Amino acid sequence: MADLLLEYDDPDRLMAAARRLREAERRFEAITPYPLEGLAELTGFAEAHVPKLALAGGVLGAVLGFGGQVATNLLYPIDVGGRPPVAWQGFALVTALIAIFTAMLFALGGMLALNRLPKLRHPVFDDPRMSLAEPDRFFLLIPEGEREGLPELDPRRAAEVPR
C-alpha cells in the first residue's frame, strides 16, 4: 500500500491541483510551509466539533457536580444554623469548578481523538524531499484508494510513499 506524494514549487499550482481534486471528489492532504487561503475548504476541513464537546462536558460536569453535592447533603444531613439541606448558593463555586474541569477534559480528549493523535510519526516524512517543504515546496498527499482516474495535476515531481 502506497500513497501518492505530489510536489509543487508554486502555491498557485498547488491550489489549482487541489481545486481539480475537489471537483473530482477525491480525498487528499496538503503539506505546506505556511497557510494558504482557501486550502482548508478544498481539503474538506469541516466545522470544528471541539467546542460542542467542551459544552457537553461543561453541562455534564455542572450536573454531576451539583447533583453530587445535593445527594451528599440529602444522604448525610447536618443542621448548620438552620439552613436547608439544599442551599444552591453554597454549591455554586464547586459546581462551576467541576464544570470547567470537565469541559477542559472533554475538549482535550475530543481534540486528540478527532485529530487521531498521538500520531508520533507519519511515513510521508521519510521521503527525502520533505525537508524541502520548509521554505519553498508544497505537497499534496493522495491516499491509495483515491488514485484511480485522477485529473491532470501537473506536479513538479511525484513519488509513492509507503503507508
C-alpha atoms as a PDB file:
ATOM      1  CA  MET A   1       0.000   0.000   0.000  1.00  0.00           C
ATOM      2  CA  ALA A   2       1.383   3.370  -1.020  1.00  0.00           C
ATOM      3  CA  ASP A   3       0.076   6.905  -1.162  1.00  0.00           C
ATOM      4  CA  LEU A   4       0.964   9.350  -3.919  1.00  0.00           C
ATOM      5  CA  LEU A   5       3.015  12.416  -2.938  1.00  0.00           C
ATOM      6  CA  LEU A   6       2.917  15.287  -5.435  1.00  0.00           C
ATOM      7  CA  GLU A   7       5.442  18.116  -5.154  1.00  0.00           C
ATOM      8  CA  TYR A   8       4.832  21.698  -6.321  1.00  0.00           C
ATOM      9  CA  ASP A   9       7.127  24.703  -6.280  1.00  0.00           C
ATOM     10  CA  ASP A  10       4.356  27.284  -6.571  1.00  0.00           C
ATOM     11  CA  PRO A  11       1.353  27.711  -4.253  1.00  0.00           C
ATOM     12  CA  ASP A  12      -0.882  28.702  -7.171  1.00  0.00           C
ATOM     13  CA  ARG A  13      -0.167  25.422  -8.953  1.00  0.00           C
ATOM     14  CA  LEU A  14      -0.903  23.524  -5.750  1.00  0.00           C
ATOM     15  CA  MET A  15      -4.203  25.392  -5.316  1.00  0.00           C
ATOM     16  CA  ALA A  16      -5.165  24.636  -8.933  1.00  0.00           C
ATOM     17  CA  ALA A  17      -4.418  20.936  -8.402  1.00  0.00           C
ATOM     18  CA  ALA A  18      -6.372  20.968  -5.136  1.00  0.00           C
ATOM     19  CA  ARG A  19      -9.358  22.513  -6.948  1.00  0.00           C
ATOM     20  CA  ARG A  20      -9.185  19.800  -9.610  1.00  0.00           C
ATOM     21  CA  LEU A  21      -9.061  17.108  -6.934  1.00  0.00           C
ATOM     22  CA  ARG A  22     -12.003  18.682  -5.122  1.00  0.00           C
ATOM     23  CA  GLU A  23     -14.021  18.840  -8.366  1.00  0.00           C
ATOM     24  CA  ALA A  24     -13.224  15.153  -8.950  1.00  0.00           C
ATOM     25  CA  GLU A  25     -14.378  14.469  -5.361  1.00  0.00           C
ATOM     26  CA  ARG A  26     -11.056  12.986  -4.272  1.00  0.00           C
ATOM     27  CA  ARG A  27      -9.684  12.985  -0.737  1.00  0.00           C
ATOM     28  CA  PHE A  28      -6.236  14.467  -0.192  1.00  0.00           C
ATOM     29  CA  GLU A  29      -3.998  16.137   2.359  1.00  0.00           C
ATOM     30  CA  ALA A  30      -1.893  19.242   1.826  1.00  0.00           C
ATOM     31  CA  ILE A  31       1.505  19.890   3.382  1.00  0.00           C
ATOM     32  CA  THR A  32       2.639  23.486   3.017  1.00  0.00           C
ATOM     33  CA  PRO A  33       5.238  25.688   4.728  1.00  0.00           C
ATOM     34  CA  TYR A  34       2.613  28.327   5.533  1.00  0.00           C
ATOM     35  CA  PRO A  35      -1.194  28.525   5.433  1.00  0.00           C
ATOM     36  CA  LEU A  36      -2.773  29.089   2.032  1.00  0.00           C
ATOM     37  CA  GLU A  37      -6.096  30.897   1.958  1.00  0.00           C
ATOM     38  CA  GLY A  38      -8.905  28.619   0.833  1.00  0.00           C
ATOM     39  CA  LEU A  39      -6.886  25.395   1.068  1.00  0.00           C
ATOM     40  CA  ALA A  40      -8.642  24.206   4.236  1.00  0.00           C
ATOM     41  CA  GLU A  41     -12.009  24.333   2.496  1.00  0.00           C
ATOM     42  CA  LEU A  42     -10.644  22.448  -0.504  1.00  0.00           C
ATOM     43  CA  THR A  43      -9.269  19.650   1.673  1.00  0.00           C
ATOM     44  CA  GLY A  44     -12.701  19.181   3.212  1.00  0.00           C
ATOM     45  CA  PHE A  45     -11.946  20.710   6.594  1.00  0.00           C
ATOM     46  CA  ALA A  46     -15.298  20.802   8.357  1.00  0.00           C
ATOM     47  CA  GLU A  47     -16.619  22.836  11.242  1.00  0.00           C
ATOM     48  CA  ALA A  48     -14.853  22.104  14.487  1.00  0.00           C
ATOM     49  CA  HIS A  49     -16.584  19.746  16.887  1.00  0.00           C
ATOM     50  CA  VAL A  50     -14.343  20.529  19.863  1.00  0.00           C
ATOM     51  CA  PRO A  51     -16.458  23.496  21.106  1.00  0.00           C
ATOM     52  CA  LYS A  52     -19.549  21.279  21.093  1.00  0.00           C
ATOM     53  CA  LEU A  53     -17.681  18.618  23.056  1.00  0.00           C
ATOM     54  CA  ALA A  54     -16.493  21.235  25.550  1.00  0.00           C
ATOM     55  CA  LEU A  55     -20.068  22.480  26.019  1.00  0.00           C
ATOM     56  CA  ALA A  56     -21.322  18.926  26.553  1.00  0.00           C
ATOM     57  CA  GLY A  57     -18.529  18.311  29.064  1.00  0.00           C
ATOM     58  CA  GLY A  58     -19.298  21.537  30.899  1.00  0.00           C
ATOM     59  CA  VAL A  59     -23.006  20.757  31.173  1.00  0.00           C
ATOM     60  CA  LEU A  60     -22.280  17.185  32.285  1.00  0.00           C
ATOM     61  CA  GLY A  61     -19.753  18.426  34.845  1.00  0.00           C
ATOM     62  CA  ALA A  62     -22.178  21.012  36.216  1.00  0.00           C
ATOM     63  CA  VAL A  63     -24.963  18.428  36.545  1.00  0.00           C
ATOM     64  CA  LEU A  64     -22.667  15.885  38.202  1.00  0.00           C
ATOM     65  CA  GLY A  65     -21.078  18.479  40.489  1.00  0.00           C
ATOM     66  CA  PHE A  66     -24.360  19.946  41.648  1.00  0.00           C
ATOM     67  CA  GLY A  67     -26.051  16.542  41.863  1.00  0.00           C
ATOM     68  CA  GLY A  68     -23.200  15.111  43.895  1.00  0.00           C
ATOM     69  CA  GLN A  69     -23.402  17.909  46.431  1.00  0.00           C
ATOM     70  CA  VAL A  70     -27.173  17.663  46.690  1.00  0.00           C
ATOM     71  CA  ALA A  71     -27.037  13.876  47.104  1.00  0.00           C
ATOM     72  CA  THR A  72     -24.369  14.165  49.794  1.00  0.00           C
ATOM     73  CA  ASN A  73     -26.369  16.735  51.769  1.00  0.00           C
ATOM     74  CA  LEU A  74     -29.581  14.697  51.486  1.00  0.00           C
ATOM     75  CA  LEU A  75     -27.921  11.384  52.467  1.00  0.00           C
ATOM     76  CA  TYR A  76     -25.951  12.902  55.346  1.00  0.00           C
ATOM     77  CA  PRO A  77     -27.985  15.860  56.625  1.00  0.00           C
ATOM     78  CA  ILE A  78     -26.273  18.172  59.087  1.00  0.00           C
ATOM     79  CA  ASP A  79     -28.228  21.049  60.555  1.00  0.00           C
ATOM     80  CA  VAL A  80     -25.946  24.069  60.313  1.00  0.00           C
ATOM     81  CA  GLY A  81     -27.526  27.273  61.548  1.00  0.00           C
ATOM     82  CA  GLY A  82     -30.995  26.236  60.396  1.00  0.00           C
ATOM     83  CA  ARG A  83     -30.065  26.272  56.695  1.00  0.00           C
ATOM     84  CA  PRO A  84     -31.944  23.991  54.315  1.00  0.00           C
ATOM     85  CA  PRO A  85     -30.115  20.836  53.194  1.00  0.00           C
ATOM     86  CA  VAL A  86     -30.046  22.044  49.568  1.00  0.00           C
ATOM     87  CA  ALA A  87     -28.675  25.582  49.620  1.00  0.00           C
ATOM     88  CA  TRP A  88     -27.674  26.121  45.970  1.00  0.00           C
ATOM     89  CA  GLN A  89     -25.718  29.302  46.744  1.00  0.00           C
ATOM     90  CA  GLY A  90     -23.129  27.265  48.624  1.00  0.00           C
ATOM     91  CA  PHE A  91     -22.871  24.785  45.774  1.00  0.00           C
ATOM     92  CA  ALA A  92     -22.178  27.338  43.024  1.00  0.00           C
ATOM     93  CA  LEU A  93     -18.387  27.525  43.326  1.00  0.00           C
ATOM     94  CA  VAL A  94     -17.754  23.777  43.356  1.00  0.00           C
ATOM     95  CA  THR A  95     -20.298  23.267  40.558  1.00  0.00           C
ATOM     96  CA  ALA A  96     -18.551  25.873  38.388  1.00  0.00           C
ATOM     97  CA  LEU A  97     -15.100  24.415  39.033  1.00  0.00           C
ATOM     98  CA  ILE A  98     -16.184  20.866  38.203  1.00  0.00           C
ATOM     99  CA  ALA A  99     -17.963  22.127  35.064  1.00  0.00           C
ATOM    100  CA  ILE A 100     -14.830  23.955  33.890  1.00  0.00           C
ATOM    101  CA  PHE A 101     -12.566  20.989  34.617  1.00  0.00           C
ATOM    102  CA  THR A 102     -14.878  18.529  32.835  1.00  0.00           C
ATOM    103  CA  ALA A 103     -15.234  20.863  29.836  1.00  0.00           C
ATOM    104  CA  MET A 104     -11.452  21.084  29.627  1.00  0.00           C
ATOM    105  CA  LEU A 105     -11.095  17.293  29.741  1.00  0.00           C
ATOM    106  CA  PHE A 106     -13.760  16.816  27.044  1.00  0.00           C
ATOM    107  CA  ALA A 107     -12.115  19.477  24.840  1.00  0.00           C
ATOM    108  CA  LEU A 108      -8.646  17.969  25.209  1.00  0.00           C
ATOM    109  CA  GLY A 109      -9.835  14.390  24.741  1.00  0.00           C
ATOM    110  CA  GLY A 110     -12.035  15.390  21.791  1.00  0.00           C
ATOM    111  CA  MET A 111      -9.208  17.271  20.107  1.00  0.00           C
ATOM    112  CA  LEU A 112      -6.866  14.296  20.471  1.00  0.00           C
ATOM    113  CA  ALA A 113      -9.478  11.811  19.238  1.00  0.00           C
ATOM    114  CA  LEU A 114     -10.646  13.928  16.271  1.00  0.00           C
ATOM    115  CA  ASN A 115      -7.061  14.555  15.158  1.00  0.00           C
ATOM    116  CA  ARG A 116      -6.208  10.874  15.610  1.00  0.00           C
ATOM    117  CA  LEU A 117      -3.420  11.775  17.986  1.00  0.00           C
ATOM    118  CA  PRO A 118      -0.970  10.907  19.303  1.00  0.00           C
ATOM    119  CA  LYS A 119       0.473  10.065  15.909  1.00  0.00           C
ATOM    120  CA  LEU A 120       4.159  10.195  16.641  1.00  0.00           C
ATOM    121  CA  ARG A 121       5.304   9.733  13.063  1.00  0.00           C
ATOM    122  CA  HIS A 122       3.848   9.850   9.566  1.00  0.00           C
ATOM    123  CA  PRO A 123       5.579   7.853   6.803  1.00  0.00           C
ATOM    124  CA  VAL A 124       5.412  10.816   4.417  1.00  0.00           C
ATOM    125  CA  PHE A 125       8.224  12.466   6.359  1.00  0.00           C
ATOM    126  CA  ASP A 126      10.578   9.623   5.419  1.00  0.00           C
ATOM    127  CA  ASP A 127      10.682  10.985   1.861  1.00  0.00           C
ATOM    128  CA  PRO A 128      13.977  12.905   1.496  1.00  0.00           C
ATOM    129  CA  ARG A 129      12.264  15.706  -0.455  1.00  0.00           C
ATOM    130  CA  MET A 130      10.071  16.586   2.547  1.00  0.00           C
ATOM    131  CA  SER A 131      12.928  18.544   4.081  1.00  0.00           C
ATOM    132  CA  LEU A 132      12.385  20.993   1.207  1.00  0.00           C
ATOM    133  CA  ALA A 133       8.831  21.680   2.399  1.00  0.00           C
ATOM    134  CA  GLU A 134      10.199  24.229   4.814  1.00  0.00           C
ATOM    135  CA  PRO A 135      10.963  27.172   2.534  1.00  0.00           C
ATOM    136  CA  ASP A 136       9.514  26.734  -0.911  1.00  0.00           C
ATOM    137  CA  ARG A 137       7.896  23.370  -1.601  1.00  0.00           C
ATOM    138  CA  PHE A 138       4.230  22.424  -1.405  1.00  0.00           C
ATOM    139  CA  PHE A 139       2.927  18.865  -1.310  1.00  0.00           C
ATOM    140  CA  LEU A 140      -0.337  17.031  -1.909  1.00  0.00           C
ATOM    141  CA  LEU A 141      -0.751  13.554  -0.453  1.00  0.00           C
ATOM    142  CA  ILE A 142      -3.345  11.414  -2.206  1.00  0.00           C
ATOM    143  CA  PRO A 143      -4.370   8.159  -0.469  1.00  0.00           C
ATOM    144  CA  GLU A 144      -4.017   4.921  -2.401  1.00  0.00           C
ATOM    145  CA  GLY A 145      -7.755   4.394  -2.865  1.00  0.00           C
ATOM    146  CA  GLU A 146      -8.205   7.834  -4.467  1.00  0.00           C
ATOM    147  CA  ARG A 147      -5.661   7.451  -7.277  1.00  0.00           C
ATOM    148  CA  GLU A 148      -7.817   5.855  -9.980  1.00  0.00           C
ATOM    149  CA  GLY A 149      -8.791   8.255 -12.758  1.00  0.00           C
ATOM    150  CA  LEU A 150      -7.051  11.296 -11.352  1.00  0.00           C
ATOM    151  CA  PRO A 151      -7.377  14.554 -13.301  1.00  0.00           C
ATOM    152  CA  GLU A 152      -4.210  16.163 -14.721  1.00  0.00           C
ATOM    153  CA  LEU A 153      -2.478  17.676 -11.688  1.00  0.00           C
ATOM    154  CA  ASP A 154       0.816  18.842 -13.264  1.00  0.00           C
ATOM    155  CA  PRO A 155       3.180  18.210 -10.325  1.00  0.00           C
ATOM    156  CA  ARG A 156       6.870  19.076 -10.378  1.00  0.00           C
ATOM    157  CA  ARG A 157       7.601  15.599  -9.043  1.00  0.00           C
ATOM    158  CA  ALA A 158       5.534  12.597  -7.980  1.00  0.00           C
ATOM    159  CA  ALA A 159       6.594   9.825  -5.631  1.00  0.00           C
ATOM    160  CA  GLU A 160       4.983   6.899  -3.892  1.00  0.00           C
ATOM    161  CA  VAL A 161       5.064   6.916  -0.110  1.00  0.00           C
ATOM    162  CA  PRO A 162       4.520   3.644   1.760  1.00  0.00           C
ATOM    163  CA  ARG A 163       1.901   3.703   4.488  1.00  0.00           C
END
